[in-house]
PDB file of N, CA and C in Angstrom:
ATOM      1  N   MET A   1      68.241 -50.265  -6.863  1.00  0.00           N
ATOM      2  CA  MET A   1      69.307 -49.430  -6.445  1.00  0.00           C
ATOM      3  C   MET A   1      70.589 -49.785  -7.545  1.00  0.00           C
ATOM      4  N   LEU A   2      71.191 -48.807  -7.823  1.00  0.00           N
ATOM      5  CA  LEU A   2      72.288 -48.783  -8.889  1.00  0.00           C
ATOM      6  C   LEU A   2      73.530 -49.474  -8.276  1.00  0.00           C
ATOM      7  N   PRO A   3      74.276 -50.603  -8.916  1.00  0.00           N
ATOM      8  CA  PRO A   3      75.159 -51.341  -8.381  1.00  0.00           C
ATOM      9  C   PRO A   3      76.517 -50.418  -8.494  1.00  0.00           C
ATOM     10  N   PRO A   4      77.338 -50.371  -7.599  1.00  0.00           N
ATOM     11  CA  PRO A   4      78.630 -49.484  -7.731  1.00  0.00           C
ATOM     12  C   PRO A   4      79.635 -50.113  -8.833  1.00  0.00           C
ATOM     13  N   VAL A   5      79.334 -50.096  -9.909  1.00  0.00           N
ATOM     14  CA  VAL A   5      80.321 -50.511 -10.896  1.00  0.00           C
ATOM     15  C   VAL A   5      81.443 -49.670 -11.466  1.00  0.00           C
ATOM     16  N   LEU A   6      81.498 -48.501 -11.069  1.00  0.00           N
ATOM     17  CA  LEU A   6      82.781 -47.652 -11.475  1.00  0.00           C
ATOM     18  C   LEU A   6      83.896 -48.093 -10.691  1.00  0.00           C
ATOM     19  N   ARG A   7      85.154 -47.841 -11.122  1.00  0.00           N
ATOM     20  CA  ARG A   7      86.236 -48.112 -10.469  1.00  0.00           C
ATOM     21  C   ARG A   7      87.108 -46.834 -10.319  1.00  0.00           C
ATOM     22  N   GLY A   8      87.723 -46.525  -9.252  1.00  0.00           N
ATOM     23  CA  GLY A   8      88.707 -45.459  -9.025  1.00  0.00           C
ATOM     24  C   GLY A   8      87.996 -44.116  -9.288  1.00  0.00           C
ATOM     25  N   GLY A   9      88.797 -43.331 -10.085  1.00  0.00           N
ATOM     26  CA  GLY A   9      88.087 -41.975 -10.410  1.00  0.00           C
ATOM     27  C   GLY A   9      87.250 -42.014 -11.757  1.00  0.00           C
ATOM     28  N   GLU A  10      86.853 -43.065 -12.138  1.00  0.00           N
ATOM     29  CA  GLU A  10      85.818 -43.162 -13.436  1.00  0.00           C
ATOM     30  C   GLU A  10      84.676 -42.423 -13.156  1.00  0.00           C
ATOM     31  N   ARG A  11      84.027 -41.925 -14.296  1.00  0.00           N
ATOM     32  CA  ARG A  11      82.706 -41.173 -14.073  1.00  0.00           C
ATOM     33  C   ARG A  11      81.769 -41.982 -14.732  1.00  0.00           C
ATOM     34  N   GLY A  12      80.552 -42.138 -14.488  1.00  0.00           N
ATOM     35  CA  GLY A  12      79.498 -42.859 -15.089  1.00  0.00           C
ATOM     36  C   GLY A  12      78.373 -42.004 -15.964  1.00  0.00           C
ATOM     37  N   LEU A  13      77.678 -42.697 -16.737  1.00  0.00           N
ATOM     38  CA  LEU A  13      76.596 -41.771 -17.651  1.00  0.00           C
ATOM     39  C   LEU A  13      75.558 -42.701 -17.660  1.00  0.00           C
ATOM     40  N   LEU A  14      74.384 -42.124 -17.224  1.00  0.00           N
ATOM     41  CA  LEU A  14      73.182 -42.826 -17.533  1.00  0.00           C
ATOM     42  C   LEU A  14      72.224 -41.975 -18.347  1.00  0.00           C
ATOM     43  N   VAL A  15      71.657 -42.595 -19.399  1.00  0.00           N
ATOM     44  CA  VAL A  15      70.807 -41.936 -20.291  1.00  0.00           C
ATOM     45  C   VAL A  15      69.328 -42.622 -19.969  1.00  0.00           C
ATOM     46  N   TRP A  16      68.555 -41.237 -19.740  1.00  0.00           N
ATOM     47  CA  TRP A  16      67.194 -41.400 -19.313  1.00  0.00           C
ATOM     48  C   TRP A  16      66.061 -40.893 -20.256  1.00  0.00           C
ATOM     49  N   ASP A  17      64.858 -41.571 -20.442  1.00  0.00           N
ATOM     50  CA  ASP A  17      63.861 -40.903 -21.180  1.00  0.00           C
ATOM     51  C   ASP A  17      63.309 -39.862 -20.311  1.00  0.00           C
ATOM     52  N   SER A  18      62.320 -39.179 -20.511  1.00  0.00           N
ATOM     53  CA  SER A  18      61.527 -38.160 -19.958  1.00  0.00           C
ATOM     54  C   SER A  18      60.718 -38.572 -18.869  1.00  0.00           C
ATOM     55  N   ALA A  19      60.873 -39.835 -18.227  1.00  0.00           N
ATOM     56  CA  ALA A  19      60.196 -40.195 -17.004  1.00  0.00           C
ATOM     57  C   ALA A  19      60.563 -39.245 -15.910  1.00  0.00           C
ATOM     58  N   SER A  20      59.655 -39.088 -14.944  1.00  0.00           N
ATOM     59  CA  SER A  20      59.996 -38.008 -13.721  1.00  0.00           C
ATOM     60  C   SER A  20      60.929 -38.510 -12.876  1.00  0.00           C
ATOM     61  N   THR A  21      61.091 -39.966 -12.613  1.00  0.00           N
ATOM     62  CA  THR A  21      62.009 -40.568 -11.550  1.00  0.00           C
ATOM     63  C   THR A  21      63.309 -40.060 -11.785  1.00  0.00           C
ATOM     64  N   PRO A  22      63.971 -40.059 -12.787  1.00  0.00           N
ATOM     65  CA  PRO A  22      65.443 -39.431 -12.835  1.00  0.00           C
ATOM     66  C   PRO A  22      65.565 -37.902 -12.622  1.00  0.00           C
ATOM     67  N   ARG A  23      64.428 -37.248 -12.568  1.00  0.00           N
ATOM     68  CA  ARG A  23      64.520 -35.752 -12.550  1.00  0.00           C
ATOM     69  C   ARG A  23      64.355 -35.419 -11.029  1.00  0.00           C
ATOM     70  N   ALA A  24      63.882 -36.437 -10.088  1.00  0.00           N
ATOM     71  CA  ALA A  24      63.575 -35.906  -8.721  1.00  0.00           C
ATOM     72  C   ALA A  24      65.085 -35.578  -8.143  1.00  0.00           C
ATOM     73  N   LYS A  25      64.970 -34.802  -7.146  1.00  0.00           N
ATOM     74  CA  LYS A  25      66.057 -34.241  -6.633  1.00  0.00           C
ATOM     75  C   LYS A  25      66.904 -35.160  -5.761  1.00  0.00           C
ATOM     76  N   ASP A  26      66.281 -36.146  -5.208  1.00  0.00           N
ATOM     77  CA  ASP A  26      66.954 -37.126  -4.466  1.00  0.00           C
ATOM     78  C   ASP A  26      67.825 -37.974  -5.407  1.00  0.00           C
ATOM     79  N   MET A  27      67.163 -38.378  -6.499  1.00  0.00           N
ATOM     80  CA  MET A  27      67.894 -39.290  -7.703  1.00  0.00           C
ATOM     81  C   MET A  27      69.270 -38.521  -8.116  1.00  0.00           C
ATOM     82  N   LYS A  28      69.065 -37.157  -8.165  1.00  0.00           N
ATOM     83  CA  LYS A  28      70.231 -36.349  -8.793  1.00  0.00           C
ATOM     84  C   LYS A  28      71.290 -36.469  -7.879  1.00  0.00           C
ATOM     85  N   LYS A  29      71.062 -36.244  -6.421  1.00  0.00           N
ATOM     86  CA  LYS A  29      71.990 -36.355  -5.321  1.00  0.00           C
ATOM     87  C   LYS A  29      72.544 -37.712  -5.404  1.00  0.00           C
ATOM     88  N   PHE A  30      71.821 -38.705  -5.339  1.00  0.00           N
ATOM     89  CA  PHE A  30      72.326 -40.158  -5.373  1.00  0.00           C
ATOM     90  C   PHE A  30      73.354 -40.235  -6.441  1.00  0.00           C
ATOM     91  N   LEU A  31      73.052 -39.974  -7.655  1.00  0.00           N
ATOM     92  CA  LEU A  31      73.912 -40.145  -8.949  1.00  0.00           C
ATOM     93  C   LEU A  31      75.158 -39.208  -8.692  1.00  0.00           C
ATOM     94  N   ALA A  32      75.065 -38.199  -8.327  1.00  0.00           N
ATOM     95  CA  ALA A  32      76.269 -37.175  -8.056  1.00  0.00           C
ATOM     96  C   ALA A  32      77.240 -37.884  -7.176  1.00  0.00           C
ATOM     97  N   ARG A  33      76.633 -38.177  -6.033  1.00  0.00           N
ATOM     98  CA  ARG A  33      77.562 -38.843  -4.954  1.00  0.00           C
ATOM     99  C   ARG A  33      78.339 -40.204  -5.665  1.00  0.00           C
ATOM    100  N   ARG A  34      77.949 -40.761  -6.787  1.00  0.00           N
ATOM    101  CA  ARG A  34      78.441 -41.803  -7.359  1.00  0.00           C
ATOM    102  C   ARG A  34      79.096 -41.532  -8.610  1.00  0.00           C
ATOM    103  N   ARG A  35      79.339 -40.311  -8.809  1.00  0.00           N
ATOM    104  CA  ARG A  35      79.942 -39.690  -9.915  1.00  0.00           C
ATOM    105  C   ARG A  35      79.417 -40.184 -11.239  1.00  0.00           C
ATOM    106  N   THR A  36      78.015 -40.096 -11.386  1.00  0.00           N
ATOM    107  CA  THR A  36      77.456 -40.541 -12.538  1.00  0.00           C
ATOM    108  C   THR A  36      76.783 -39.343 -13.243  1.00  0.00           C
ATOM    109  N   ASP A  37      76.779 -39.076 -14.373  1.00  0.00           N
ATOM    110  CA  ASP A  37      76.205 -37.770 -15.030  1.00  0.00           C
ATOM    111  C   ASP A  37      74.938 -38.503 -15.715  1.00  0.00           C
ATOM    112  N   GLN A  38      73.864 -37.355 -15.950  1.00  0.00           N
ATOM    113  CA  GLN A  38      72.655 -37.778 -16.486  1.00  0.00           C
ATOM    114  C   GLN A  38      72.663 -37.036 -17.759  1.00  0.00           C
ATOM    115  N   ILE A  39      71.944 -37.674 -18.803  1.00  0.00           N
ATOM    116  CA  ILE A  39      71.448 -36.986 -19.927  1.00  0.00           C
ATOM    117  C   ILE A  39      69.981 -37.439 -20.141  1.00  0.00           C
ATOM    118  N   MET A  40      69.155 -36.565 -20.547  1.00  0.00           N
ATOM    119  CA  MET A  40      67.675 -36.730 -20.579  1.00  0.00           C
ATOM    120  C   MET A  40      67.434 -36.934 -22.140  1.00  0.00           C
ATOM    121  N   ILE A  41      66.854 -37.744 -22.676  1.00  0.00           N
ATOM    122  CA  ILE A  41      66.114 -37.745 -23.826  1.00  0.00           C
ATOM    123  C   ILE A  41      64.925 -37.124 -23.798  1.00  0.00           C
ATOM    124  N   PRO A  42      64.652 -35.817 -24.654  1.00  0.00           N
ATOM    125  CA  PRO A  42      63.473 -35.173 -24.723  1.00  0.00           C
ATOM    126  C   PRO A  42      62.169 -36.216 -25.120  1.00  0.00           C
ATOM    127  N   ALA A  43      61.079 -35.930 -24.721  1.00  0.00           N
ATOM    128  CA  ALA A  43      59.847 -36.433 -25.197  1.00  0.00           C
ATOM    129  C   ALA A  43      59.703 -36.367 -26.591  1.00  0.00           C
ATOM    130  N   GLY A  44      59.419 -37.485 -27.345  1.00  0.00           N
ATOM    131  CA  GLY A  44      59.077 -37.447 -28.581  1.00  0.00           C
ATOM    132  C   GLY A  44      60.400 -37.743 -29.486  1.00  0.00           C
ATOM    133  N   MET A  45      61.332 -37.902 -28.606  1.00  0.00           N
ATOM    134  CA  MET A  45      62.552 -38.381 -29.762  1.00  0.00           C
ATOM    135  C   MET A  45      63.049 -39.820 -29.612  1.00  0.00           C
ATOM    136  N   THR A  46      62.234 -40.650 -28.941  1.00  0.00           N
ATOM    137  CA  THR A  46      62.677 -42.077 -28.868  1.00  0.00           C
ATOM    138  C   THR A  46      63.031 -42.639 -30.153  1.00  0.00           C
ATOM    139  N   ALA A  47      62.174 -42.399 -31.225  1.00  0.00           N
ATOM    140  CA  ALA A  47      62.482 -43.135 -32.526  1.00  0.00           C
ATOM    141  C   ALA A  47      63.857 -42.626 -32.963  1.00  0.00           C
ATOM    142  N   TYR A  48      64.395 -41.442 -32.639  1.00  0.00           N
ATOM    143  CA  TYR A  48      65.765 -41.219 -33.028  1.00  0.00           C
ATOM    144  C   TYR A  48      66.862 -41.345 -32.132  1.00  0.00           C
ATOM    145  N   LEU A  49      66.439 -41.529 -30.967  1.00  0.00           N
ATOM    146  CA  LEU A  49      67.758 -41.607 -29.926  1.00  0.00           C
ATOM    147  C   LEU A  49      67.667 -42.756 -29.114  1.00  0.00           C
ATOM    148  N   GLN A  50      66.761 -43.670 -29.215  1.00  0.00           N
ATOM    149  CA  GLN A  50      66.470 -44.967 -28.431  1.00  0.00           C
ATOM    150  C   GLN A  50      66.253 -46.061 -29.483  1.00  0.00           C
ATOM    151  N   THR A  51      67.139 -46.308 -30.290  1.00  0.00           N
ATOM    152  CA  THR A  51      66.923 -47.248 -31.270  1.00  0.00           C
ATOM    153  C   THR A  51      66.680 -48.741 -30.692  1.00  0.00           C
ATOM    154  N   LEU A  52      67.416 -49.041 -29.642  1.00  0.00           N
ATOM    155  CA  LEU A  52      67.137 -50.356 -29.181  1.00  0.00           C
ATOM    156  C   LEU A  52      65.564 -50.370 -28.667  1.00  0.00           C
ATOM    157  N   ASP A  53      64.987 -49.562 -28.099  1.00  0.00           N
ATOM    158  CA  ASP A  53      63.686 -49.378 -27.819  1.00  0.00           C
ATOM    159  C   ASP A  53      62.784 -49.734 -29.031  1.00  0.00           C
ATOM    160  N   ILE A  54      62.955 -49.176 -30.029  1.00  0.00           N
ATOM    161  CA  ILE A  54      62.237 -49.519 -31.527  1.00  0.00           C
ATOM    162  C   ILE A  54      62.759 -50.557 -31.904  1.00  0.00           C
ATOM    163  N   ALA A  55      63.715 -51.070 -32.025  1.00  0.00           N
ATOM    164  CA  ALA A  55      64.230 -52.119 -32.929  1.00  0.00           C
ATOM    165  C   ALA A  55      63.959 -53.520 -32.169  1.00  0.00           C
ATOM    166  N   ILE A  56      64.514 -53.451 -30.681  1.00  0.00           N
ATOM    167  CA  ILE A  56      64.289 -54.834 -30.058  1.00  0.00           C
ATOM    168  C   ILE A  56      63.471 -55.011 -28.811  1.00  0.00           C
ATOM    169  N   ASN A  57      63.271 -53.726 -27.996  1.00  0.00           N
ATOM    170  CA  ASN A  57      62.371 -53.994 -26.705  1.00  0.00           C
ATOM    171  C   ASN A  57      60.964 -53.773 -27.275  1.00  0.00           C
ATOM    172  N   LYS A  58      60.468 -53.010 -28.043  1.00  0.00           N
ATOM    173  CA  LYS A  58      59.118 -52.645 -28.569  1.00  0.00           C
ATOM    174  C   LYS A  58      58.577 -54.030 -29.113  1.00  0.00           C
ATOM    175  N   PRO A  59      59.416 -54.625 -30.348  1.00  0.00           N
ATOM    176  CA  PRO A  59      58.837 -56.065 -30.813  1.00  0.00           C
ATOM    177  C   PRO A  59      58.706 -57.153 -29.717  1.00  0.00           C
ATOM    178  N   PHE A  60      59.846 -57.305 -28.709  1.00  0.00           N
ATOM    179  CA  PHE A  60      59.858 -58.052 -27.813  1.00  0.00           C
ATOM    180  C   PHE A  60      58.580 -57.920 -26.880  1.00  0.00           C
ATOM    181  N   LYS A  61      58.372 -56.655 -26.457  1.00  0.00           N
ATOM    182  CA  LYS A  61      57.072 -56.553 -25.732  1.00  0.00           C
ATOM    183  C   LYS A  61      55.812 -56.830 -26.426  1.00  0.00           C
ATOM    184  N   ASP A  62      55.549 -56.480 -27.630  1.00  0.00           N
ATOM    185  CA  ASP A  62      54.445 -57.050 -28.420  1.00  0.00           C
ATOM    186  C   ASP A  62      54.275 -58.305 -28.440  1.00  0.00           C
ATOM    187  N   HIS A  63      55.496 -59.061 -28.558  1.00  0.00           N
ATOM    188  CA  HIS A  63      55.350 -60.714 -28.775  1.00  0.00           C
ATOM    189  C   HIS A  63      54.930 -61.159 -27.429  1.00  0.00           C
ATOM    190  N   LEU A  64      55.310 -60.574 -26.219  1.00  0.00           N
ATOM    191  CA  LEU A  64      55.208 -60.987 -24.954  1.00  0.00           C
ATOM    192  C   LEU A  64      53.730 -60.686 -24.673  1.00  0.00           C
ATOM    193  N   HIS A  65      52.956 -59.548 -25.055  1.00  0.00           N
ATOM    194  CA  HIS A  65      51.645 -59.249 -24.909  1.00  0.00           C
ATOM    195  C   HIS A  65      50.971 -60.468 -25.629  1.00  0.00           C
ATOM    196  N   MET A  66      51.355 -60.782 -26.765  1.00  0.00           N
ATOM    197  CA  MET A  66      50.487 -61.757 -27.503  1.00  0.00           C
ATOM    198  C   MET A  66      50.351 -63.051 -26.628  1.00  0.00           C
ATOM    199  N   GLU A  67      51.564 -63.574 -26.201  1.00  0.00           N
ATOM    200  CA  GLU A  67      51.716 -64.761 -25.208  1.00  0.00           C
ATOM    201  C   GLU A  67      50.677 -64.562 -24.128  1.00  0.00           C
ATOM    202  N   LEU A  68      50.960 -63.383 -23.406  1.00  0.00           N
ATOM    203  CA  LEU A  68      49.766 -63.233 -22.146  1.00  0.00           C
ATOM    204  C   LEU A  68      48.594 -63.170 -22.716  1.00  0.00           C
ATOM    205  N   ASN A  69      48.200 -62.601 -23.844  1.00  0.00           N
ATOM    206  CA  ASN A  69      46.787 -62.414 -24.132  1.00  0.00           C
ATOM    207  C   ASN A  69      46.205 -63.875 -24.500  1.00  0.00           C
ATOM    208  N   ASP A  70      47.133 -64.784 -25.003  1.00  0.00           N
ATOM    209  CA  ASP A  70      46.741 -66.243 -25.461  1.00  0.00           C
ATOM    210  C   ASP A  70      46.456 -66.889 -24.283  1.00  0.00           C
ATOM    211  N   TYR A  71      47.241 -66.840 -23.162  1.00  0.00           N
ATOM    212  CA  TYR A  71      47.069 -67.418 -21.952  1.00  0.00           C
ATOM    213  C   TYR A  71      45.913 -66.875 -21.180  1.00  0.00           C
ATOM    214  N   THR A  72      45.679 -65.681 -21.297  1.00  0.00           N
ATOM    215  CA  THR A  72      44.249 -65.205 -20.446  1.00  0.00           C
ATOM    216  C   THR A  72      43.064 -65.528 -21.131  1.00  0.00           C
ATOM    217  N   GLU A  73      43.236 -65.647 -22.618  1.00  0.00           N
ATOM    218  CA  GLU A  73      41.775 -66.011 -23.334  1.00  0.00           C
ATOM    219  C   GLU A  73      41.653 -67.474 -23.551  1.00  0.00           C
ATOM    220  N   ASN A  74      42.757 -68.226 -23.386  1.00  0.00           N
ATOM    221  CA  ASN A  74      42.660 -69.741 -23.798  1.00  0.00           C
ATOM    222  C   ASN A  74      42.992 -70.703 -22.815  1.00  0.00           C
ATOM    223  N   ARG A  75      43.880 -70.198 -21.819  1.00  0.00           N
ATOM    224  CA  ARG A  75      44.431 -71.474 -20.954  1.00  0.00           C
ATOM    225  C   ARG A  75      44.182 -70.809 -19.375  1.00  0.00           C
ATOM    226  N   MET A  76      43.766 -69.710 -19.321  1.00  0.00           N
ATOM    227  CA  MET A  76      43.806 -69.390 -17.724  1.00  0.00           C
ATOM    228  C   MET A  76      42.704 -70.111 -16.848  1.00  0.00           C
ATOM    229  N   GLU A  77      43.200 -70.628 -15.741  1.00  0.00           N
ATOM    230  CA  GLU A  77      42.226 -71.556 -14.928  1.00  0.00           C
ATOM    231  C   GLU A  77      41.977 -70.772 -13.755  1.00  0.00           C
ATOM    232  N   ARG A  78      40.978 -71.304 -13.059  1.00  0.00           N
ATOM    233  CA  ARG A  78      40.293 -70.772 -11.928  1.00  0.00           C
ATOM    234  C   ARG A  78      40.356 -71.903 -10.743  1.00  0.00           C
ATOM    235  N   ASN A  79      40.482 -71.169  -9.620  1.00  0.00           N
ATOM    236  CA  ASN A  79      40.433 -72.257  -8.533  1.00  0.00           C
ATOM    237  C   ASN A  79      39.185 -72.651  -8.063  1.00  0.00           C
ATOM    238  N   GLN A  80      38.872 -73.370  -7.016  1.00  0.00           N
ATOM    239  CA  GLN A  80      37.756 -73.690  -6.367  1.00  0.00           C
ATOM    240  C   GLN A  80      36.906 -72.674  -5.902  1.00  0.00           C
ATOM    241  N   HIS A  81      37.460 -71.476  -5.673  1.00  0.00           N
ATOM    242  CA  HIS A  81      36.751 -70.214  -5.255  1.00  0.00           C
ATOM    243  C   HIS A  81      36.447 -69.393  -6.329  1.00  0.00           C
ATOM    244  N   GLY A  82      36.786 -69.816  -7.495  1.00  0.00           N
ATOM    245  CA  GLY A  82      36.582 -69.084  -8.767  1.00  0.00           C
ATOM    246  C   GLY A  82      37.467 -67.983  -9.053  1.00  0.00           C
ATOM    247  N   ASN A  83      38.489 -67.929  -8.233  1.00  0.00           N
ATOM    248  CA  ASN A  83      39.707 -66.776  -8.441  1.00  0.00           C
ATOM    249  C   ASN A  83      40.329 -67.446  -9.638  1.00  0.00           C
ATOM    250  N   PHE A  84      41.172 -66.538 -10.471  1.00  0.00           N
ATOM    251  CA  PHE A  84      42.056 -66.866 -11.430  1.00  0.00           C
ATOM    252  C   PHE A  84      43.395 -67.455 -10.769  1.00  0.00           C
ATOM    253  N   VAL A  85      44.010 -68.463 -11.390  1.00  0.00           N
ATOM    254  CA  VAL A  85      45.247 -69.060 -10.841  1.00  0.00           C
ATOM    255  C   VAL A  85      46.537 -68.347 -11.672  1.00  0.00           C
ATOM    256  N   LYS A  86      47.420 -67.986 -10.765  1.00  0.00           N
ATOM    257  CA  LYS A  86      48.456 -67.216 -11.604  1.00  0.00           C
ATOM    258  C   LYS A  86      49.254 -68.359 -12.270  1.00  0.00           C
ATOM    259  N   PRO A  87      49.907 -67.767 -13.537  1.00  0.00           N
ATOM    260  CA  PRO A  87      50.498 -68.833 -14.308  1.00  0.00           C
ATOM    261  C   PRO A  87      51.777 -69.463 -13.595  1.00  0.00           C
ATOM    262  N   SER A  88      52.253 -70.546 -13.757  1.00  0.00           N
ATOM    263  CA  SER A  88      53.608 -70.854 -13.170  1.00  0.00           C
ATOM    264  C   SER A  88      54.757 -70.406 -13.866  1.00  0.00           C
ATOM    265  N   LEU A  89      55.975 -70.340 -12.977  1.00  0.00           N
ATOM    266  CA  LEU A  89      57.063 -69.650 -13.364  1.00  0.00           C
ATOM    267  C   LEU A  89      57.506 -70.197 -14.750  1.00  0.00           C
ATOM    268  N   GLN A  90      57.307 -71.547 -14.800  1.00  0.00           N
ATOM    269  CA  GLN A  90      57.910 -72.099 -16.057  1.00  0.00           C
ATOM    270  C   GLN A  90      56.974 -71.651 -17.345  1.00  0.00           C
ATOM    271  N   GLU A  91      55.707 -71.432 -17.200  1.00  0.00           N
ATOM    272  CA  GLU A  91      54.873 -70.881 -18.084  1.00  0.00           C
ATOM    273  C   GLU A  91      55.242 -69.502 -18.573  1.00  0.00           C
ATOM    274  N   ILE A  92      55.766 -68.742 -17.411  1.00  0.00           N
ATOM    275  CA  ILE A  92      56.301 -67.349 -17.699  1.00  0.00           C
ATOM    276  C   ILE A  92      57.552 -67.364 -18.387  1.00  0.00           C
ATOM    277  N   VAL A  93      58.447 -68.272 -18.037  1.00  0.00           N
ATOM    278  CA  VAL A  93      59.833 -68.368 -18.717  1.00  0.00           C
ATOM    279  C   VAL A  93      59.484 -68.803 -20.261  1.00  0.00           C
ATOM    280  N   THR A  94      58.523 -69.568 -20.476  1.00  0.00           N
ATOM    281  CA  THR A  94      58.426 -70.050 -21.880  1.00  0.00           C
ATOM    282  C   THR A  94      57.847 -68.825 -22.637  1.00  0.00           C
ATOM    283  N   TRP A  95      56.921 -67.945 -22.109  1.00  0.00           N
ATOM    284  CA  TRP A  95      56.349 -66.753 -22.759  1.00  0.00           C
ATOM    285  C   TRP A  95      57.649 -65.827 -23.196  1.00  0.00           C
ATOM    286  N   VAL A  96      58.650 -65.802 -22.196  1.00  0.00           N
ATOM    287  CA  VAL A  96      59.832 -64.657 -22.601  1.00  0.00           C
ATOM    288  C   VAL A  96      60.715 -65.493 -23.579  1.00  0.00           C
ATOM    289  N   LYS A  97      60.852 -66.758 -23.560  1.00  0.00           N
ATOM    290  CA  LYS A  97      61.802 -67.511 -24.495  1.00  0.00           C
ATOM    291  C   LYS A  97      61.005 -67.395 -26.016  1.00  0.00           C
ATOM    292  N   ASN A  98      59.773 -67.567 -25.934  1.00  0.00           N
ATOM    293  CA  ASN A  98      59.071 -67.538 -27.260  1.00  0.00           C
ATOM    294  C   ASN A  98      59.222 -66.160 -27.838  1.00  0.00           C
ATOM    295  N   SER A  99      59.013 -65.118 -27.007  1.00  0.00           N
ATOM    296  CA  SER A  99      59.044 -63.734 -27.454  1.00  0.00           C
ATOM    297  C   SER A  99      60.471 -63.562 -27.823  1.00  0.00           C
ATOM    298  N   CYS A 100      61.561 -63.776 -27.279  1.00  0.00           N
ATOM    299  CA  CYS A 100      62.919 -63.821 -27.606  1.00  0.00           C
ATOM    300  C   CYS A 100      63.172 -64.338 -29.155  1.00  0.00           C
ATOM    301  N   ASP A 101      62.442 -65.445 -29.090  1.00  0.00           N
ATOM    302  CA  ASP A 101      62.865 -66.281 -30.371  1.00  0.00           C
ATOM    303  C   ASP A 101      61.988 -65.609 -31.835  1.00  0.00           C
ATOM    304  N   LYS A 102      61.102 -65.259 -31.360  1.00  0.00           N
ATOM    305  CA  LYS A 102      60.126 -64.410 -32.387  1.00  0.00           C
ATOM    306  C   LYS A 102      60.960 -63.098 -32.796  1.00  0.00           C
ATOM    307  N   ASN A 103      61.556 -62.631 -31.891  1.00  0.00           N
ATOM    308  CA  ASN A 103      62.419 -61.282 -32.033  1.00  0.00           C
ATOM    309  C   ASN A 103      63.452 -61.474 -33.216  1.00  0.00           C
ATOM    310  N   HIS A 104      63.996 -62.498 -33.359  1.00  0.00           N
ATOM    311  CA  HIS A 104      65.188 -62.856 -34.171  1.00  0.00           C
ATOM    312  C   HIS A 104      64.923 -63.101 -35.521  1.00  0.00           C
TER     313      HIS A 104
END
């Protein structure tokens, strides 16, 4: 749910990629009631129009996937029933921190 961050008569603007959710009729009505306009970024234009996705988010996700792969290949444990044990919250926070640090 989008928080009500606009004050008074201000309008808002959301920039979406070409995912289907923002195009849904209910979402358009929801945004219109909140005086929020939408701009859709066409498919194939990410490299030109979503520079944060290219410069920050993609490398961060790549580093995070490496952390997860290292965990699943080398440190993942099983319980007494043979099922995999989920990583601890501290382990996940460490993956995120490591990924952020590698991104700088």
